[in-house]
Amino acid sequence: MKFSFAFAISVLALGTSGAVAAGKTQYPLTLENCGRKITFDKAPERAVSIGQNSTEILLSLGVADKMVGTAVWVGPVLENLKAANEKVPRISNNQPSFEGVVKNDPDLVAAQFVFDVGPNGVVGKREQFEELGVATYVSPGDCAAKDNSMRDGSRSKLFSMDSIYQEIGELARIFDVQDRGEAFVAELKQREAKAIASVAGGKAATVSLVFWFSSSNVNGDAWMAGKNGAPGYITQVLGAKNPIQTEEEWPAVSWESIASHNPTAIIVGTMDRRKFPADDPKVKIDFMEKDAVVGKLDAVKNKRFIELSAQAMNPTIRTIDGIETVAAGLKRLKLVD
């Protein structure tokens, strides 16, 4: 798939069009969400968000006063949301217990990952919450064309920001703040179009990128992005290519295999989380520069690293940050005009 300047302009036009103001939500509101029907008789008043993207969407929609807890954080909140976020209690930085969520008496649980709230959710199953009268909403970005039977899942089709725009729109309807939702989506689309247009000269077609999220062991197999997740989308819209052509979201790939592809540049995941030593980007880069095999890669010898928030590597509103950061990095490294 090739994305052109014309595509970028069309995205921009979509983001700026829409002269008709958003209407009020008519309750009861019923939506289809990740294979389940959910109904709201009124806007939620006590929401818990599990997953940083779910939190940042709700904060961006201006409903912090309707939130009673957040959980599962990878890094700091977006700077423009910091003040609002400080008003919302943090249940846990990682996965909370089911009891830890329901003790906050939520009427909505919004989750970023099926892994947390789903058929085998480590926090809880949707049925468990529904039995207590708690509605659940799971990000469409983690459901569309995705098999979640393994932890990180696999995707049969390329992720698209459309699923995140859908999430913003649906949460805006649920909370009856459609005008805020439409304005937020328009802003994200404008930024996406501008970043795509910034590398529209065509040289990116000669660039191959690999995205290293983390590893259980620094010198072991690396968790690299497969072809259809958010990094795949970033790569595609910028006109580059990803040599890791598996449908798995985050396969463990040997460095010998990565070396055989000799990528042009390496996108290094950054995060505050320190579950694994390779969560630290400095540890990642130090390993690559000192390892006898990896140190011989052109990208490593020429220090063609682009540091990118791990949140942007997941299907989130920050994937737009990812497009902007990678585009700027390609220009900085003089890989595109």
C-alpha atoms as a PDB file:
ATOM      1  CA  MET A   1       0.000   0.000   0.000  1.00  0.00           C
ATOM      2  CA  LYS A   2       1.410   3.403  -0.947  1.00  0.00           C
ATOM      3  CA  PHE A   3       0.355   6.643   0.721  1.00  0.00           C
ATOM      4  CA  SER A   4       0.831   9.854  -1.171  1.00  0.00           C
ATOM      5  CA  PHE A   5       0.588  13.574  -0.647  1.00  0.00           C
ATOM      6  CA  ALA A   6      -2.912  13.394  -2.146  1.00  0.00           C
ATOM      7  CA  PHE A   7      -3.862  10.875   0.528  1.00  0.00           C
ATOM      8  CA  ALA A   8      -2.549  13.212   3.220  1.00  0.00           C
ATOM      9  CA  ILE A   9      -4.591  16.101   1.862  1.00  0.00           C
ATOM     10  CA  SER A  10      -7.713  13.928   1.768  1.00  0.00           C
ATOM     11  CA  VAL A  11      -7.176  13.003   5.427  1.00  0.00           C
ATOM     12  CA  LEU A  12      -6.779  16.696   6.237  1.00  0.00           C
ATOM     13  CA  ALA A  13     -10.007  17.486   4.398  1.00  0.00           C
ATOM     14  CA  LEU A  14     -11.848  14.842   6.386  1.00  0.00           C
ATOM     15  CA  GLY A  15     -10.501  16.310   9.587  1.00  0.00           C
ATOM     16  CA  THR A  16     -11.610  19.855   8.793  1.00  0.00           C
ATOM     17  CA  SER A  17     -14.960  19.104   7.191  1.00  0.00           C
ATOM     18  CA  GLY A  18     -18.208  18.562   9.029  1.00  0.00           C
ATOM     19  CA  ALA A  19     -20.087  21.799   9.301  1.00  0.00           C
ATOM     20  CA  VAL A  20     -23.036  20.241  11.131  1.00  0.00           C
ATOM     21  CA  ALA A  21     -22.662  20.462  14.904  1.00  0.00           C
ATOM     22  CA  ALA A  22     -22.802  17.234  16.906  1.00  0.00           C
ATOM     23  CA  GLY A  23     -26.183  16.424  18.424  1.00  0.00           C
ATOM     24  CA  LYS A  24     -27.113  15.298  21.922  1.00  0.00           C
ATOM     25  CA  THR A  25     -27.006  11.610  22.764  1.00  0.00           C
ATOM     26  CA  GLN A  26     -30.399   9.986  22.813  1.00  0.00           C
ATOM     27  CA  TYR A  27     -30.593   7.494  25.687  1.00  0.00           C
ATOM     28  CA  PRO A  28     -30.918   4.598  25.963  1.00  0.00           C
ATOM     29  CA  LEU A  29     -27.840   4.269  23.743  1.00  0.00           C
ATOM     30  CA  THR A  30     -26.917   0.811  22.434  1.00  0.00           C
ATOM     31  CA  LEU A  31     -23.588   0.114  20.753  1.00  0.00           C
ATOM     32  CA  GLU A  32     -21.874  -2.958  19.316  1.00  0.00           C
ATOM     33  CA  ASN A  33     -18.494  -3.237  21.024  1.00  0.00           C
ATOM     34  CA  CYS A  34     -16.000  -6.007  20.316  1.00  0.00           C
ATOM     35  CA  GLY A  35     -18.753  -8.525  19.628  1.00  0.00           C
ATOM     36  CA  ARG A  36     -21.048  -7.516  22.491  1.00  0.00           C
ATOM     37  CA  LYS A  37     -24.002  -5.152  22.722  1.00  0.00           C
ATOM     38  CA  ILE A  38     -23.726  -2.545  25.451  1.00  0.00           C
ATOM     39  CA  THR A  39     -26.522  -0.200  26.528  1.00  0.00           C
ATOM     40  CA  PHE A  40     -26.388   3.041  28.496  1.00  0.00           C
ATOM     41  CA  ASP A  41     -29.507   4.593  30.010  1.00  0.00           C
ATOM     42  CA  LYS A  42     -27.552   7.742  30.820  1.00  0.00           C
ATOM     43  CA  ALA A  43     -24.013   9.104  30.695  1.00  0.00           C
ATOM     44  CA  PRO A  44     -21.655   7.301  33.105  1.00  0.00           C
ATOM     45  CA  GLU A  45     -20.870   9.128  36.330  1.00  0.00           C
ATOM     46  CA  ARG A  46     -18.193   6.807  37.801  1.00  0.00           C
ATOM     47  CA  ALA A  47     -15.829   5.476  35.145  1.00  0.00           C
ATOM     48  CA  VAL A  48     -12.662   3.437  35.636  1.00  0.00           C
ATOM     49  CA  SER A  49     -10.150   3.259  32.790  1.00  0.00           C
ATOM     50  CA  ILE A  50      -7.794   0.281  32.499  1.00  0.00           C
ATOM     51  CA  GLY A  51      -5.051   1.132  30.042  1.00  0.00           C
ATOM     52  CA  GLN A  52      -3.284   4.429  29.469  1.00  0.00           C
ATOM     53  CA  ASN A  53      -4.902   5.033  26.083  1.00  0.00           C
ATOM     54  CA  SER A  54      -8.408   4.623  27.492  1.00  0.00           C
ATOM     55  CA  THR A  55      -7.451   7.083  30.228  1.00  0.00           C
ATOM     56  CA  GLU A  56      -5.984   9.630  27.832  1.00  0.00           C
ATOM     57  CA  ILE A  57      -9.015   9.487  25.551  1.00  0.00           C
ATOM     58  CA  LEU A  58     -11.405  10.128  28.443  1.00  0.00           C
ATOM     59  CA  LEU A  59      -9.221  12.947  29.742  1.00  0.00           C
ATOM     60  CA  SER A  60      -9.064  14.432  26.238  1.00  0.00           C
ATOM     61  CA  LEU A  61     -12.855  14.358  26.106  1.00  0.00           C
ATOM     62  CA  GLY A  62     -12.954  16.441  29.286  1.00  0.00           C
ATOM     63  CA  VAL A  63     -14.717  13.917  31.523  1.00  0.00           C
ATOM     64  CA  ALA A  64     -12.122  13.704  34.330  1.00  0.00           C
ATOM     65  CA  ASP A  65     -14.879  14.652  36.782  1.00  0.00           C
ATOM     66  CA  LYS A  66     -16.667  11.424  35.779  1.00  0.00           C
ATOM     67  CA  MET A  67     -13.628   9.206  36.440  1.00  0.00           C
ATOM     68  CA  VAL A  68     -13.010   7.424  39.756  1.00  0.00           C
ATOM     69  CA  GLY A  69      -9.864   5.477  38.898  1.00  0.00           C
ATOM     70  CA  THR A  70      -7.207   4.557  36.336  1.00  0.00           C
ATOM     71  CA  ALA A  71      -4.782   1.647  35.947  1.00  0.00           C
ATOM     72  CA  VAL A  72      -2.132   0.159  33.624  1.00  0.00           C
ATOM     73  CA  TRP A  73       0.400   2.881  32.872  1.00  0.00           C
ATOM     74  CA  VAL A  74       3.430   2.644  30.581  1.00  0.00           C
ATOM     75  CA  GLY A  75       4.742   6.190  30.971  1.00  0.00           C
ATOM     76  CA  PRO A  76       3.739   9.697  32.051  1.00  0.00           C
ATOM     77  CA  VAL A  77       0.426  11.125  30.926  1.00  0.00           C
ATOM     78  CA  LEU A  78       0.397  13.511  27.963  1.00  0.00           C
ATOM     79  CA  GLU A  79       1.585  16.918  29.145  1.00  0.00           C
ATOM     80  CA  ASN A  80      -1.638  18.707  28.179  1.00  0.00           C
ATOM     81  CA  LEU A  81      -3.635  16.232  30.276  1.00  0.00           C
ATOM     82  CA  LYS A  82      -1.450  16.356  33.380  1.00  0.00           C
ATOM     83  CA  ALA A  83      -3.632  18.725  35.411  1.00  0.00           C
ATOM     84  CA  ALA A  84      -6.828  16.776  34.665  1.00  0.00           C
ATOM     85  CA  ASN A  85      -5.117  13.449  35.371  1.00  0.00           C
ATOM     86  CA  GLU A  86      -3.998  14.595  38.816  1.00  0.00           C
ATOM     87  CA  LYS A  87      -7.659  14.792  39.836  1.00  0.00           C
ATOM     88  CA  VAL A  88      -8.267  11.090  39.075  1.00  0.00           C
ATOM     89  CA  PRO A  89      -7.181   8.411  41.587  1.00  0.00           C
ATOM     90  CA  ARG A  90      -4.664   5.861  40.306  1.00  0.00           C
ATOM     91  CA  ILE A  91      -5.723   2.355  41.295  1.00  0.00           C
ATOM     92  CA  SER A  92      -2.540   0.702  40.049  1.00  0.00           C
ATOM     93  CA  ASN A  93       0.323   1.299  37.634  1.00  0.00           C
ATOM     94  CA  ASN A  94      -0.118  -2.283  36.432  1.00  0.00           C
ATOM     95  CA  GLN A  95      -3.090  -4.644  36.209  1.00  0.00           C
ATOM     96  CA  PRO A  96      -5.389  -4.157  39.217  1.00  0.00           C
ATOM     97  CA  SER A  97      -7.429  -6.939  40.775  1.00  0.00           C
ATOM     98  CA  PHE A  98     -11.119  -7.287  39.949  1.00  0.00           C
ATOM     99  CA  GLU A  99     -11.895  -6.325  43.536  1.00  0.00           C
ATOM    100  CA  GLY A 100      -9.574  -3.327  43.290  1.00  0.00           C
ATOM    101  CA  VAL A 101     -11.698  -2.018  40.414  1.00  0.00           C
ATOM    102  CA  VAL A 102     -15.219  -2.731  41.653  1.00  0.00           C
ATOM    103  CA  LYS A 103     -14.580  -1.296  45.124  1.00  0.00           C
ATOM    104  CA  ASN A 104     -14.634   2.109  43.390  1.00  0.00           C
ATOM    105  CA  ASP A 105     -18.305   1.476  42.493  1.00  0.00           C
ATOM    106  CA  PRO A 106     -17.877   2.183  38.751  1.00  0.00           C
ATOM    107  CA  ASP A 107     -20.745   2.293  36.306  1.00  0.00           C
ATOM    108  CA  LEU A 108     -18.330   1.973  33.340  1.00  0.00           C
ATOM    109  CA  VAL A 109     -15.015   0.184  32.886  1.00  0.00           C
ATOM    110  CA  ALA A 110     -13.194   1.302  29.725  1.00  0.00           C
ATOM    111  CA  ALA A 111     -10.317  -1.005  28.792  1.00  0.00           C
ATOM    112  CA  GLN A 112      -7.516  -0.662  26.268  1.00  0.00           C
ATOM    113  CA  PHE A 113      -6.757  -4.374  25.979  1.00  0.00           C
ATOM    114  CA  VAL A 114      -8.829  -7.550  25.699  1.00  0.00           C
ATOM    115  CA  PHE A 115      -5.994  -9.083  27.725  1.00  0.00           C
ATOM    116  CA  ASP A 116      -7.198  -7.047  30.722  1.00  0.00           C
ATOM    117  CA  VAL A 117     -10.979  -7.156  30.215  1.00  0.00           C
ATOM    118  CA  GLY A 118     -12.125  -9.923  27.902  1.00  0.00           C
ATOM    119  CA  PRO A 119     -12.911 -13.645  27.671  1.00  0.00           C
ATOM    120  CA  ASN A 120      -9.829 -14.453  29.759  1.00  0.00           C
ATOM    121  CA  GLY A 121      -9.217 -10.990  31.181  1.00  0.00           C
ATOM    122  CA  VAL A 122      -6.545 -10.868  33.869  1.00  0.00           C
ATOM    123  CA  VAL A 123      -8.485  -8.069  35.563  1.00  0.00           C
ATOM    124  CA  GLY A 124     -11.883  -9.575  34.882  1.00  0.00           C
ATOM    125  CA  LYS A 125     -14.269 -10.944  32.289  1.00  0.00           C
ATOM    126  CA  ARG A 126     -16.879  -8.648  30.846  1.00  0.00           C
ATOM    127  CA  GLU A 127     -19.570 -10.968  32.219  1.00  0.00           C
ATOM    128  CA  GLN A 128     -18.199 -10.513  35.745  1.00  0.00           C
ATOM    129  CA  PHE A 129     -18.577  -6.769  35.531  1.00  0.00           C
ATOM    130  CA  GLU A 130     -21.988  -6.979  33.854  1.00  0.00           C
ATOM    131  CA  GLU A 131     -23.278  -9.244  36.640  1.00  0.00           C
ATOM    132  CA  LEU A 132     -22.627  -6.331  38.989  1.00  0.00           C
ATOM    133  CA  GLY A 133     -24.352  -3.879  36.665  1.00  0.00           C
ATOM    134  CA  VAL A 134     -21.074  -2.384  35.412  1.00  0.00           C
ATOM    135  CA  ALA A 135     -20.899  -1.659  31.676  1.00  0.00           C
ATOM    136  CA  THR A 136     -17.632  -2.444  29.897  1.00  0.00           C
ATOM    137  CA  TYR A 137     -16.164  -0.843  26.784  1.00  0.00           C
ATOM    138  CA  VAL A 138     -13.072  -2.333  25.110  1.00  0.00           C
ATOM    139  CA  SER A 139     -11.007  -0.464  22.541  1.00  0.00           C
ATOM    140  CA  PRO A 140     -12.002  -1.462  18.980  1.00  0.00           C
ATOM    141  CA  GLY A 141      -8.320  -1.081  18.111  1.00  0.00           C
ATOM    142  CA  ASP A 142      -7.616  -4.236  20.115  1.00  0.00           C
ATOM    143  CA  CYS A 143     -10.451  -6.222  18.558  1.00  0.00           C
ATOM    144  CA  ALA A 144     -10.632  -5.479  14.826  1.00  0.00           C
ATOM    145  CA  ALA A 145      -9.252  -8.378  12.770  1.00  0.00           C
ATOM    146  CA  LYS A 146      -7.259  -9.505  15.808  1.00  0.00           C
ATOM    147  CA  ASP A 147      -6.865 -12.904  17.457  1.00  0.00           C
ATOM    148  CA  ASN A 148      -6.300 -12.314  21.169  1.00  0.00           C
ATOM    149  CA  SER A 149      -5.914 -15.977  22.149  1.00  0.00           C
ATOM    150  CA  MET A 150      -2.202 -15.296  22.798  1.00  0.00           C
ATOM    151  CA  ARG A 151      -1.039 -12.471  25.064  1.00  0.00           C
ATOM    152  CA  ASP A 152      -0.006  -9.925  22.444  1.00  0.00           C
ATOM    153  CA  GLY A 153      -2.301 -11.333  19.766  1.00  0.00           C
ATOM    154  CA  SER A 154      -2.020 -11.442  15.997  1.00  0.00           C
ATOM    155  CA  ARG A 155      -3.682  -9.349  13.302  1.00  0.00           C
ATOM    156  CA  SER A 156      -4.953 -10.631   9.977  1.00  0.00           C
ATOM    157  CA  LYS A 157      -5.354  -7.080   8.629  1.00  0.00           C
ATOM    158  CA  LEU A 158      -3.382  -3.875   8.995  1.00  0.00           C
ATOM    159  CA  PHE A 159      -4.415  -1.741  11.963  1.00  0.00           C
ATOM    160  CA  SER A 160      -5.918   1.605  11.037  1.00  0.00           C
ATOM    161  CA  MET A 161      -6.360   4.770  13.054  1.00  0.00           C
ATOM    162  CA  ASP A 162     -10.004   4.563  12.019  1.00  0.00           C
ATOM    163  CA  SER A 163     -10.567   2.169  14.933  1.00  0.00           C
ATOM    164  CA  ILE A 164      -9.154   4.738  17.374  1.00  0.00           C
ATOM    165  CA  TYR A 165     -11.275   7.469  15.812  1.00  0.00           C
ATOM    166  CA  GLN A 166     -14.243   5.126  16.230  1.00  0.00           C
ATOM    167  CA  GLU A 167     -13.348   4.674  19.906  1.00  0.00           C
ATOM    168  CA  ILE A 168     -13.163   8.416  20.482  1.00  0.00           C
ATOM    169  CA  GLY A 169     -16.497   8.921  18.743  1.00  0.00           C
ATOM    170  CA  GLU A 170     -18.246   6.152  20.665  1.00  0.00           C
ATOM    171  CA  LEU A 171     -16.919   7.221  24.060  1.00  0.00           C
ATOM    172  CA  ALA A 172     -17.972  10.779  23.206  1.00  0.00           C
ATOM    173  CA  ARG A 173     -21.499   9.503  22.482  1.00  0.00           C
ATOM    174  CA  ILE A 174     -21.556   7.455  25.685  1.00  0.00           C
ATOM    175  CA  PHE A 175     -20.673  10.560  27.728  1.00  0.00           C
ATOM    176  CA  ASP A 176     -22.778  12.915  25.562  1.00  0.00           C
ATOM    177  CA  VAL A 177     -19.810  15.080  24.550  1.00  0.00           C
ATOM    178  CA  GLN A 178     -19.906  14.511  20.784  1.00  0.00           C
ATOM    179  CA  ASP A 179     -18.691  18.014  19.989  1.00  0.00           C
ATOM    180  CA  ARG A 180     -15.498  17.371  21.940  1.00  0.00           C
ATOM    181  CA  GLY A 181     -15.068  14.015  20.242  1.00  0.00           C
ATOM    182  CA  GLU A 182     -15.412  15.459  16.760  1.00  0.00           C
ATOM    183  CA  ALA A 183     -12.974  18.275  17.522  1.00  0.00           C
ATOM    184  CA  PHE A 184     -10.423  15.830  18.934  1.00  0.00           C
ATOM    185  CA  VAL A 185     -10.653  13.496  15.930  1.00  0.00           C
ATOM    186  CA  ALA A 186     -10.310  16.455  13.553  1.00  0.00           C
ATOM    187  CA  GLU A 187      -7.158  17.587  15.375  1.00  0.00           C
ATOM    188  CA  LEU A 188      -5.596  14.103  15.194  1.00  0.00           C
ATOM    189  CA  LYS A 189      -6.419  13.757  11.494  1.00  0.00           C
ATOM    190  CA  GLN A 190      -4.832  17.130  10.729  1.00  0.00           C
ATOM    191  CA  ARG A 191      -1.651  16.105  12.532  1.00  0.00           C
ATOM    192  CA  GLU A 192      -1.602  12.752  10.740  1.00  0.00           C
ATOM    193  CA  ALA A 193      -1.983  14.390   7.343  1.00  0.00           C
ATOM    194  CA  LYS A 194       0.742  16.947   8.053  1.00  0.00           C
ATOM    195  CA  ALA A 195       3.225  14.261   9.139  1.00  0.00           C
ATOM    196  CA  ILE A 196       2.499  12.110   6.075  1.00  0.00           C
ATOM    197  CA  ALA A 197       2.909  15.108   3.774  1.00  0.00           C
ATOM    198  CA  SER A 198       6.271  15.959   5.374  1.00  0.00           C
ATOM    199  CA  VAL A 199       7.895  12.839   3.867  1.00  0.00           C
ATOM    200  CA  ALA A 200       5.932  12.689   0.643  1.00  0.00           C
ATOM    201  CA  GLY A 201       8.992  12.874  -1.636  1.00  0.00           C
ATOM    202  CA  GLY A 202       9.146   9.121  -2.179  1.00  0.00           C
ATOM    203  CA  LYS A 203      12.572   8.331  -0.703  1.00  0.00           C
ATOM    204  CA  ALA A 204      10.998   6.493   2.253  1.00  0.00           C
ATOM    205  CA  ALA A 205      10.277   3.599  -0.109  1.00  0.00           C
ATOM    206  CA  THR A 206      13.950   2.624   0.168  1.00  0.00           C
ATOM    207  CA  VAL A 207      13.859   2.650   3.981  1.00  0.00           C
ATOM    208  CA  SER A 208      13.254  -0.430   6.134  1.00  0.00           C
ATOM    209  CA  LEU A 209      12.344  -0.027   9.800  1.00  0.00           C
ATOM    210  CA  VAL A 210      12.159  -2.405  12.744  1.00  0.00           C
ATOM    211  CA  PHE A 211      10.455  -1.476  16.007  1.00  0.00           C
ATOM    212  CA  TRP A 212      12.006  -2.888  19.202  1.00  0.00           C
ATOM    213  CA  PHE A 213       9.546  -2.686  22.087  1.00  0.00           C
ATOM    214  CA  SER A 214      11.476  -4.669  24.717  1.00  0.00           C
ATOM    215  CA  SER A 215      12.814  -8.155  25.564  1.00  0.00           C
ATOM    216  CA  SER A 216      12.633 -10.549  28.480  1.00  0.00           C
ATOM    217  CA  ASN A 217      16.447 -10.702  28.308  1.00  0.00           C
ATOM    218  CA  VAL A 218      18.499  -7.893  26.781  1.00  0.00           C
ATOM    219  CA  ASN A 219      20.677 -10.245  24.722  1.00  0.00           C
ATOM    220  CA  GLY A 220      17.861 -12.675  23.950  1.00  0.00           C
ATOM    221  CA  ASP A 221      15.217 -12.567  21.234  1.00  0.00           C
ATOM    222  CA  ALA A 222      13.753  -9.107  20.771  1.00  0.00           C
ATOM    223  CA  TRP A 223      10.058  -8.261  20.830  1.00  0.00           C
ATOM    224  CA  MET A 224       9.815  -6.667  17.409  1.00  0.00           C
ATOM    225  CA  ALA A 225       6.686  -5.308  15.760  1.00  0.00           C
ATOM    226  CA  GLY A 226       4.937  -7.527  13.251  1.00  0.00           C
ATOM    227  CA  LYS A 227       3.549  -6.151  10.015  1.00  0.00           C
ATOM    228  CA  ASN A 228      -0.050  -5.343  10.990  1.00  0.00           C
ATOM    229  CA  GLY A 229       0.051  -3.482  14.319  1.00  0.00           C
ATOM    230  CA  ALA A 230       0.403   0.227  15.012  1.00  0.00           C
ATOM    231  CA  PRO A 231       4.099   0.227  13.940  1.00  0.00           C
ATOM    232  CA  GLY A 232       2.998  -1.398  10.682  1.00  0.00           C
ATOM    233  CA  TYR A 233       0.539   1.444  10.171  1.00  0.00           C
ATOM    234  CA  ILE A 234       3.200   4.058  10.940  1.00  0.00           C
ATOM    235  CA  THR A 235       5.569   2.399   8.477  1.00  0.00           C
ATOM    236  CA  GLN A 236       2.954   2.091   5.742  1.00  0.00           C
ATOM    237  CA  VAL A 237       1.611   5.634   5.886  1.00  0.00           C
ATOM    238  CA  LEU A 238       5.132   7.047   5.750  1.00  0.00           C
ATOM    239  CA  GLY A 239       5.900   4.893   2.701  1.00  0.00           C
ATOM    240  CA  ALA A 240       8.631   2.764   4.312  1.00  0.00           C
ATOM    241  CA  LYS A 241       8.666  -1.008   4.885  1.00  0.00           C
ATOM    242  CA  ASN A 242       8.889  -3.417   7.817  1.00  0.00           C
ATOM    243  CA  PRO A 243      10.912  -6.593   7.091  1.00  0.00           C
ATOM    244  CA  ILE A 244       9.248  -8.477   9.992  1.00  0.00           C
ATOM    245  CA  GLN A 245       6.383  -9.930   7.980  1.00  0.00           C
ATOM    246  CA  THR A 246       4.478 -11.895  10.597  1.00  0.00           C
ATOM    247  CA  GLU A 247       0.883 -11.310  11.680  1.00  0.00           C
ATOM    248  CA  GLU A 248       1.903 -11.645  15.335  1.00  0.00           C
ATOM    249  CA  GLU A 249       1.656  -8.296  17.073  1.00  0.00           C
ATOM    250  CA  TRP A 250       4.967  -8.587  18.968  1.00  0.00           C
ATOM    251  CA  PRO A 251       6.869 -11.740  17.976  1.00  0.00           C
ATOM    252  CA  ALA A 252      10.154 -12.652  19.669  1.00  0.00           C
ATOM    253  CA  VAL A 253      12.693 -12.349  16.834  1.00  0.00           C
ATOM    254  CA  SER A 254      16.303 -13.509  16.955  1.00  0.00           C
ATOM    255  CA  TRP A 255      19.019 -10.947  16.296  1.00  0.00           C
ATOM    256  CA  GLU A 256      20.436 -13.258  13.645  1.00  0.00           C
ATOM    257  CA  SER A 257      17.152 -12.943  11.772  1.00  0.00           C
ATOM    258  CA  ILE A 258      17.106  -9.164  12.242  1.00  0.00           C
ATOM    259  CA  ALA A 259      20.704  -8.969  11.039  1.00  0.00           C
ATOM    260  CA  SER A 260      19.762 -10.852   7.875  1.00  0.00           C
ATOM    261  CA  HIS A 261      17.320  -8.036   7.046  1.00  0.00           C
ATOM    262  CA  ASN A 262      19.864  -5.299   7.874  1.00  0.00           C
ATOM    263  CA  PRO A 263      17.212  -2.607   8.541  1.00  0.00           C
ATOM    264  CA  THR A 264      17.919   0.993   7.587  1.00  0.00           C
ATOM    265  CA  ALA A 265      16.945   2.314  11.024  1.00  0.00           C
ATOM    266  CA  ILE A 266      15.841   0.896  14.361  1.00  0.00           C
ATOM    267  CA  ILE A 267      12.928   2.381  16.301  1.00  0.00           C
ATOM    268  CA  VAL A 268      13.714   2.028  20.010  1.00  0.00           C
ATOM    269  CA  GLY A 269      10.813   1.842  22.449  1.00  0.00           C
ATOM    270  CA  THR A 270      10.941   4.170  25.447  1.00  0.00           C
ATOM    271  CA  MET A 271       8.880   3.779  28.616  1.00  0.00           C
ATOM    272  CA  ASP A 272       8.928   4.407  32.353  1.00  0.00           C
ATOM    273  CA  ARG A 273       8.016   0.785  32.966  1.00  0.00           C
ATOM    274  CA  ARG A 274      10.901  -1.398  34.166  1.00  0.00           C
ATOM    275  CA  LYS A 275       9.452  -4.915  34.148  1.00  0.00           C
ATOM    276  CA  PHE A 276      12.374  -6.062  31.996  1.00  0.00           C
ATOM    277  CA  PRO A 277      15.936  -4.687  31.656  1.00  0.00           C
ATOM    278  CA  ALA A 278      15.318  -3.961  27.961  1.00  0.00           C
ATOM    279  CA  ASP A 279      12.492  -1.583  28.875  1.00  0.00           C
ATOM    280  CA  ASP A 280      15.249   1.026  29.271  1.00  0.00           C
ATOM    281  CA  PRO A 281      16.152   2.530  25.859  1.00  0.00           C
ATOM    282  CA  LYS A 282      19.721   3.221  27.003  1.00  0.00           C
ATOM    283  CA  VAL A 283      20.139  -0.472  27.801  1.00  0.00           C
ATOM    284  CA  LYS A 284      18.816  -1.372  24.349  1.00  0.00           C
ATOM    285  CA  ILE A 285      21.211   0.941  22.531  1.00  0.00           C
ATOM    286  CA  ASP A 286      24.177  -0.062  24.690  1.00  0.00           C
ATOM    287  CA  PHE A 287      23.544  -3.724  23.889  1.00  0.00           C
ATOM    288  CA  MET A 288      23.261  -3.094  20.149  1.00  0.00           C
ATOM    289  CA  GLU A 289      26.455  -1.074  20.000  1.00  0.00           C
ATOM    290  CA  LYS A 290      28.492  -3.620  21.984  1.00  0.00           C
ATOM    291  CA  ASP A 291      27.120  -6.920  20.657  1.00  0.00           C
ATOM    292  CA  ALA A 292      29.442  -8.670  18.178  1.00  0.00           C
ATOM    293  CA  VAL A 293      26.616  -9.478  15.719  1.00  0.00           C
ATOM    294  CA  VAL A 294      24.184  -6.594  16.182  1.00  0.00           C
ATOM    295  CA  GLY A 295      26.958  -4.007  16.248  1.00  0.00           C
ATOM    296  CA  LYS A 296      27.725  -4.786  12.608  1.00  0.00           C
ATOM    297  CA  LEU A 297      24.288  -3.701  11.369  1.00  0.00           C
ATOM    298  CA  ASP A 298      24.384  -0.577   9.206  1.00  0.00           C
ATOM    299  CA  ALA A 299      21.739   1.051  11.410  1.00  0.00           C
ATOM    300  CA  VAL A 300      23.845   0.461  14.517  1.00  0.00           C
ATOM    301  CA  LYS A 301      27.207   1.445  13.010  1.00  0.00           C
ATOM    302  CA  ASN A 302      25.668   4.685  11.752  1.00  0.00           C
ATOM    303  CA  LYS A 303      23.635   5.264  14.943  1.00  0.00           C
ATOM    304  CA  ARG A 304      20.379   5.327  13.018  1.00  0.00           C
ATOM    305  CA  PHE A 305      18.157   5.047  16.086  1.00  0.00           C
ATOM    306  CA  ILE A 306      14.812   6.760  16.558  1.00  0.00           C
ATOM    307  CA  GLU A 307      13.494   6.712  20.116  1.00  0.00           C
ATOM    308  CA  LEU A 308       9.730   6.393  20.305  1.00  0.00           C
ATOM    309  CA  SER A 309       7.287   6.128  23.205  1.00  0.00           C
ATOM    310  CA  ALA A 310       6.060   2.562  23.674  1.00  0.00           C
ATOM    311  CA  GLN A 311       2.540   3.975  23.869  1.00  0.00           C
ATOM    312  CA  ALA A 312       2.871   5.133  20.260  1.00  0.00           C
ATOM    313  CA  MET A 313       3.767   1.547  19.321  1.00  0.00           C
ATOM    314  CA  ASN A 314       0.384   0.363  20.600  1.00  0.00           C
ATOM    315  CA  PRO A 315      -2.891   1.205  18.818  1.00  0.00           C
ATOM    316  CA  THR A 316      -3.558   4.472  20.625  1.00  0.00           C
ATOM    317  CA  ILE A 317      -4.058   8.186  20.101  1.00  0.00           C
ATOM    318  CA  ARG A 318      -0.273   8.345  20.475  1.00  0.00           C
ATOM    319  CA  THR A 319       0.188   6.439  17.230  1.00  0.00           C
ATOM    320  CA  ILE A 320      -0.158   9.904  15.694  1.00  0.00           C
ATOM    321  CA  ASP A 321       2.816  10.970  17.843  1.00  0.00           C
ATOM    322  CA  GLY A 322       4.549   7.919  16.387  1.00  0.00           C
ATOM    323  CA  ILE A 323       3.954   9.034  12.819  1.00  0.00           C
ATOM    324  CA  GLU A 324       5.254  12.504  13.658  1.00  0.00           C
ATOM    325  CA  THR A 325       8.297  11.220  15.583  1.00  0.00           C
ATOM    326  CA  VAL A 326       9.345   8.663  12.976  1.00  0.00           C
ATOM    327  CA  ALA A 327       8.852  11.178  10.140  1.00  0.00           C
ATOM    328  CA  ALA A 328      11.005  13.724  11.988  1.00  0.00           C
ATOM    329  CA  GLY A 329      13.591  11.033  12.730  1.00  0.00           C
ATOM    330  CA  LEU A 330      13.841   9.995   9.090  1.00  0.00           C
ATOM    331  CA  LYS A 331      14.426  13.610   8.148  1.00  0.00           C
ATOM    332  CA  ARG A 332      16.999  14.093  10.934  1.00  0.00           C
ATOM    333  CA  LEU A 333      18.884  11.004   9.729  1.00  0.00           C
ATOM    334  CA  LYS A 334      18.660  12.333   6.161  1.00  0.00           C
ATOM    335  CA  LEU A 335      16.883   9.196   4.982  1.00  0.00           C
ATOM    336  CA  VAL A 336      14.157  11.338   3.383  1.00  0.00           C
ATOM    337  CA  ASP A 337      14.034  14.909   2.126  1.00  0.00           C
END
